[in-house]
C-alpha atoms as a PDB file:
ATOM      1  CA  MET A   1      -7.937 -25.597  17.381  1.00  0.00           C
ATOM      2  CA  SER A   2     -10.385 -22.716  17.527  1.00  0.00           C
ATOM      3  CA  ALA A   3     -13.159 -22.318  14.989  1.00  0.00           C
ATOM      4  CA  GLU A   4     -11.440 -19.405  13.218  1.00  0.00           C
ATOM      5  CA  PRO A   5      -8.248 -21.226  12.088  1.00  0.00           C
ATOM      6  CA  ALA A   6     -10.398 -24.192  11.017  1.00  0.00           C
ATOM      7  CA  ALA A   7     -12.594 -21.867   8.953  1.00  0.00           C
ATOM      8  CA  ASP A   8      -9.505 -20.267   7.385  1.00  0.00           C
ATOM      9  CA  TYR A   9      -8.098 -23.726   6.561  1.00  0.00           C
ATOM     10  CA  SER A  10     -11.387 -24.842   4.981  1.00  0.00           C
ATOM     11  CA  ARG A  11     -11.638 -21.648   2.936  1.00  0.00           C
ATOM     12  CA  ALA A  12      -8.014 -21.972   1.768  1.00  0.00           C
ATOM     13  CA  LEU A  13      -8.584 -25.622   0.825  1.00  0.00           C
ATOM     14  CA  ALA A  14     -11.717 -24.715  -1.141  1.00  0.00           C
ATOM     15  CA  GLN A  15      -9.781 -21.970  -2.942  1.00  0.00           C
ATOM     16  CA  ARG A  16      -6.982 -24.423  -3.758  1.00  0.00           C
ATOM     17  CA  LEU A  17      -9.433 -26.982  -5.183  1.00  0.00           C
ATOM     18  CA  ALA A  18     -10.848 -24.266  -7.441  1.00  0.00           C
ATOM     19  CA  GLU A  19      -7.358 -23.113  -8.499  1.00  0.00           C
ATOM     20  CA  VAL A  20      -6.255 -26.621  -9.449  1.00  0.00           C
ATOM     21  CA  ALA A  21      -9.470 -27.199 -11.407  1.00  0.00           C
ATOM     22  CA  ASP A  22      -8.861 -23.901 -13.180  1.00  0.00           C
ATOM     23  CA  SER A  23      -5.309 -24.957 -14.033  1.00  0.00           C
ATOM     24  CA  LYS A  24      -6.768 -27.946 -15.906  1.00  0.00           C
ATOM     25  CA  ALA A  25      -9.171 -25.687 -17.870  1.00  0.00           C
ATOM     26  CA  ALA A  26     -12.314 -26.477 -15.876  1.00  0.00           C
ATOM     27  CA  THR A  27     -15.124 -23.996 -16.462  1.00  0.00           C
ATOM     28  CA  GLU A  28     -18.017 -22.626 -14.403  1.00  0.00           C
ATOM     29  CA  ILE A  29     -16.037 -22.992 -11.175  1.00  0.00           C
ATOM     30  CA  VAL A  30     -18.156 -22.249  -8.119  1.00  0.00           C
ATOM     31  CA  VAL A  31     -17.359 -22.598  -4.426  1.00  0.00           C
ATOM     32  CA  LEU A  32     -20.337 -22.714  -2.070  1.00  0.00           C
ATOM     33  CA  ASP A  33     -20.039 -21.939   1.649  1.00  0.00           C
ATOM     34  CA  MET A  34     -21.998 -24.767   3.276  1.00  0.00           C
ATOM     35  CA  ARG A  35     -21.263 -23.821   6.892  1.00  0.00           C
ATOM     36  CA  GLY A  36     -24.541 -23.399   8.711  1.00  0.00           C
ATOM     37  CA  LEU A  37     -26.406 -25.471   6.106  1.00  0.00           C
ATOM     38  CA  VAL A  38     -24.937 -28.968   6.473  1.00  0.00           C
ATOM     39  CA  SER A  39     -22.768 -30.688   9.065  1.00  0.00           C
ATOM     40  CA  TYR A  40     -20.721 -32.911   6.748  1.00  0.00           C
ATOM     41  CA  THR A  41     -18.584 -30.258   5.019  1.00  0.00           C
ATOM     42  CA  ASP A  42     -17.727 -26.560   5.042  1.00  0.00           C
ATOM     43  CA  PHE A  43     -17.461 -25.935   1.299  1.00  0.00           C
ATOM     44  CA  LEU A  44     -18.504 -27.482  -2.010  1.00  0.00           C
ATOM     45  CA  ALA A  45     -16.276 -26.803  -5.006  1.00  0.00           C
ATOM     46  CA  ILE A  46     -18.089 -27.456  -8.285  1.00  0.00           C
ATOM     47  CA  CYS A  47     -16.702 -27.298 -11.802  1.00  0.00           C
ATOM     48  CA  THR A  48     -17.489 -28.393 -15.338  1.00  0.00           C
ATOM     49  CA  ALA A  49     -15.307 -30.406 -17.697  1.00  0.00           C
ATOM     50  CA  ARG A  50     -15.736 -30.576 -21.481  1.00  0.00           C
ATOM     51  CA  ASN A  51     -15.938 -34.378 -21.384  1.00  0.00           C
ATOM     52  CA  GLU A  52     -15.320 -37.398 -19.166  1.00  0.00           C
ATOM     53  CA  ARG A  53     -11.642 -37.551 -20.079  1.00  0.00           C
ATOM     54  CA  GLN A  54     -11.081 -33.971 -18.937  1.00  0.00           C
ATOM     55  CA  ALA A  55     -13.112 -34.657 -15.774  1.00  0.00           C
ATOM     56  CA  ARG A  56     -10.729 -37.510 -14.902  1.00  0.00           C
ATOM     57  CA  ALA A  57      -7.735 -35.262 -15.636  1.00  0.00           C
ATOM     58  CA  ILE A  58      -9.080 -32.550 -13.313  1.00  0.00           C
ATOM     59  CA  ALA A  59      -9.759 -35.044 -10.506  1.00  0.00           C
ATOM     60  CA  ASP A  60      -6.345 -36.686 -10.958  1.00  0.00           C
ATOM     61  CA  GLU A  61      -4.591 -33.319 -10.834  1.00  0.00           C
ATOM     62  CA  VAL A  62      -6.467 -32.297  -7.678  1.00  0.00           C
ATOM     63  CA  LYS A  63      -5.492 -35.554  -5.961  1.00  0.00           C
ATOM     64  CA  LEU A  64      -1.862 -35.269  -7.082  1.00  0.00           C
ATOM     65  CA  ARG A  65      -1.375 -31.616  -6.117  1.00  0.00           C
ATOM     66  CA  LEU A  66      -3.030 -31.904  -2.699  1.00  0.00           C
ATOM     67  CA  LYS A  67      -1.008 -34.999  -1.920  1.00  0.00           C
ATOM     68  CA  GLN A  68       2.243 -33.252  -2.957  1.00  0.00           C
ATOM     69  CA  GLU A  69       1.520 -29.898  -1.358  1.00  0.00           C
ATOM     70  CA  GLN A  70      -0.360 -30.834   1.805  1.00  0.00           C
ATOM     71  CA  GLN A  71       0.064 -34.628   2.149  1.00  0.00           C
ATOM     72  CA  LEU A  72      -3.714 -34.729   1.842  1.00  0.00           C
ATOM     73  CA  LEU A  73      -5.678 -37.594   0.306  1.00  0.00           C
ATOM     74  CA  PRO A  74      -9.438 -37.611  -0.184  1.00  0.00           C
ATOM     75  CA  ALA A  75     -11.314 -39.483   2.547  1.00  0.00           C
ATOM     76  CA  GLY A  76     -13.524 -40.745  -0.233  1.00  0.00           C
ATOM     77  CA  SER A  77     -13.549 -40.640  -3.986  1.00  0.00           C
ATOM     78  CA  GLU A  78     -16.362 -41.676  -6.242  1.00  0.00           C
ATOM     79  CA  ALA A  79     -15.970 -41.719  -9.944  1.00  0.00           C
ATOM     80  CA  ALA A  80     -19.213 -42.314 -11.730  1.00  0.00           C
ATOM     81  CA  GLU A  81     -17.228 -41.555 -14.864  1.00  0.00           C
ATOM     82  CA  ALA A  82     -19.740 -43.145 -17.195  1.00  0.00           C
ATOM     83  CA  ALA A  83     -22.244 -40.829 -15.555  1.00  0.00           C
ATOM     84  CA  GLY A  84     -20.002 -37.766 -15.969  1.00  0.00           C
ATOM     85  CA  TRP A  85     -19.610 -36.955 -12.262  1.00  0.00           C
ATOM     86  CA  ILE A  86     -16.571 -37.354 -10.003  1.00  0.00           C
ATOM     87  CA  VAL A  87     -16.640 -36.564  -6.283  1.00  0.00           C
ATOM     88  CA  LEU A  88     -13.533 -36.029  -4.146  1.00  0.00           C
ATOM     89  CA  ASP A  89     -14.307 -35.802  -0.422  1.00  0.00           C
ATOM     90  CA  TYR A  90     -11.685 -33.903   1.572  1.00  0.00           C
ATOM     91  CA  LEU A  91     -14.077 -33.695   4.563  1.00  0.00           C
ATOM     92  CA  ASP A  92     -13.835 -29.905   5.061  1.00  0.00           C
ATOM     93  CA  CYS A  93     -14.358 -29.489   1.314  1.00  0.00           C
ATOM     94  CA  VAL A  94     -16.023 -31.702  -1.262  1.00  0.00           C
ATOM     95  CA  MET A  95     -15.086 -31.336  -4.936  1.00  0.00           C
ATOM     96  CA  HIS A  96     -17.620 -32.152  -7.666  1.00  0.00           C
ATOM     97  CA  VAL A  97     -16.354 -32.441 -11.243  1.00  0.00           C
ATOM     98  CA  PHE A  98     -19.185 -32.681 -13.752  1.00  0.00           C
ATOM     99  CA  THR A  99     -19.560 -32.926 -17.481  1.00  0.00           C
ATOM    100  CA  GLU A 100     -21.873 -30.179 -18.738  1.00  0.00           C
ATOM    101  CA  GLU A 101     -24.825 -32.526 -19.216  1.00  0.00           C
ATOM    102  CA  GLU A 102     -24.580 -33.968 -15.706  1.00  0.00           C
ATOM    103  CA  ARG A 103     -24.112 -30.577 -14.095  1.00  0.00           C
ATOM    104  CA  LYS A 104     -27.362 -29.444 -15.690  1.00  0.00           C
ATOM    105  CA  ARG A 105     -29.078 -32.635 -14.548  1.00  0.00           C
ATOM    106  CA  TYR A 106     -28.055 -32.439 -10.878  1.00  0.00           C
ATOM    107  CA  GLN A 107     -28.119 -28.625 -10.485  1.00  0.00           C
ATOM    108  CA  LEU A 108     -26.241 -28.533  -7.168  1.00  0.00           C
ATOM    109  CA  GLU A 109     -26.112 -24.737  -7.198  1.00  0.00           C
ATOM    110  CA  ASP A 110     -29.900 -24.648  -7.438  1.00  0.00           C
ATOM    111  CA  LEU A 111     -30.265 -27.281  -4.715  1.00  0.00           C
ATOM    112  CA  TRP A 112     -28.014 -25.187  -2.443  1.00  0.00           C
ATOM    113  CA  ARG A 113     -29.056 -21.753  -3.757  1.00  0.00           C
ATOM    114  CA  GLU A 114     -29.145 -20.346  -0.199  1.00  0.00           C
ATOM    115  CA  ALA A 115     -25.421 -21.122   0.194  1.00  0.00           C
ATOM    116  CA  PRO A 116     -23.207 -18.048  -0.158  1.00  0.00           C
ATOM    117  CA  LYS A 117     -20.778 -18.216  -3.072  1.00  0.00           C
ATOM    118  CA  LEU A 118     -17.124 -17.746  -2.285  1.00  0.00           C
ATOM    119  CA  GLU A 119     -15.414 -15.314  -4.606  1.00  0.00           C
ATOM    120  CA  PHE A 120     -13.000 -17.292  -6.748  1.00  0.00           C
ATOM    121  CA  GLN A 121     -10.134 -15.483  -8.366  1.00  0.00           C
ATOM    122  CA  ALA A 122      -7.968 -17.484 -10.741  1.00  0.00           C
ATOM    123  CA  PRO A 123      -4.248 -17.075 -10.072  1.00  0.00           C
ATOM    124  CA  GLN A 124      -2.845 -14.138 -11.982  1.00  0.00           C
ATOM    125  CA  ASP A 125       0.317 -15.913 -13.082  1.00  0.00           C
ATOM    126  CA  GLY A 126      -0.988 -16.133 -16.629  1.00  0.00           C
ATOM    127  CA  VAL A 127       0.047 -19.771 -17.035  1.00  0.00           C
ATOM    128  CA  ARG A 128      -3.368 -21.205 -17.697  1.00  0.00           C
ATOM    129  CA  GLY A 129      -4.531 -18.273 -19.761  1.00  0.00           C
ATOM    130  CA  HIS A 130      -1.410 -18.304 -21.920  1.00  0.00           C
ATOM    131  CA  LEU A 131      -1.277 -22.063 -22.494  1.00  0.00           C
ATOM    132  CA  TYR A 132      -5.021 -22.533 -22.755  1.00  0.00           C
ATOM    133  CA  GLY A 133      -5.348 -19.641 -25.169  1.00  0.00           C
ATOM    134  CA  ALA A 134      -2.524 -20.945 -27.346  1.00  0.00           C
ATOM    135  CA  ALA A 135      -4.031 -24.427 -27.492  1.00  0.00           C
ATOM    136  CA  HIS A 136      -7.650 -23.348 -27.890  1.00  0.00           C
ATOM    137  CA  GLY A 137      -7.422 -19.876 -29.404  1.00  0.00           C
END
């Protein structure tokens, strides 16, 4: 496999992680391009949950959807749920789900501020916006 298809796969996986997090009402979704900065992953997907329960729901949905859609399981998963931080390691992409307090504490975007941010566009199907707005509007 050449580097280009691998880069496209990693980028698509990072986008999918962000989309699934968005579908579960995660906020402050950021995808950082780590290529050229670290050797252990291509992208970091970072999002914020309102509380630990929502963080678990986001992580569970990511695991379920990627298993169903791509037969992909995380190589590693750490849930420091009492600490408000869940990590899902898909090798090419690592997903971090934080509560607001823990995201402020660890400041991964600041730590990796030289990493380019991938533009994340939420799907335009209106499902999340419609349901989320109805439930929280």
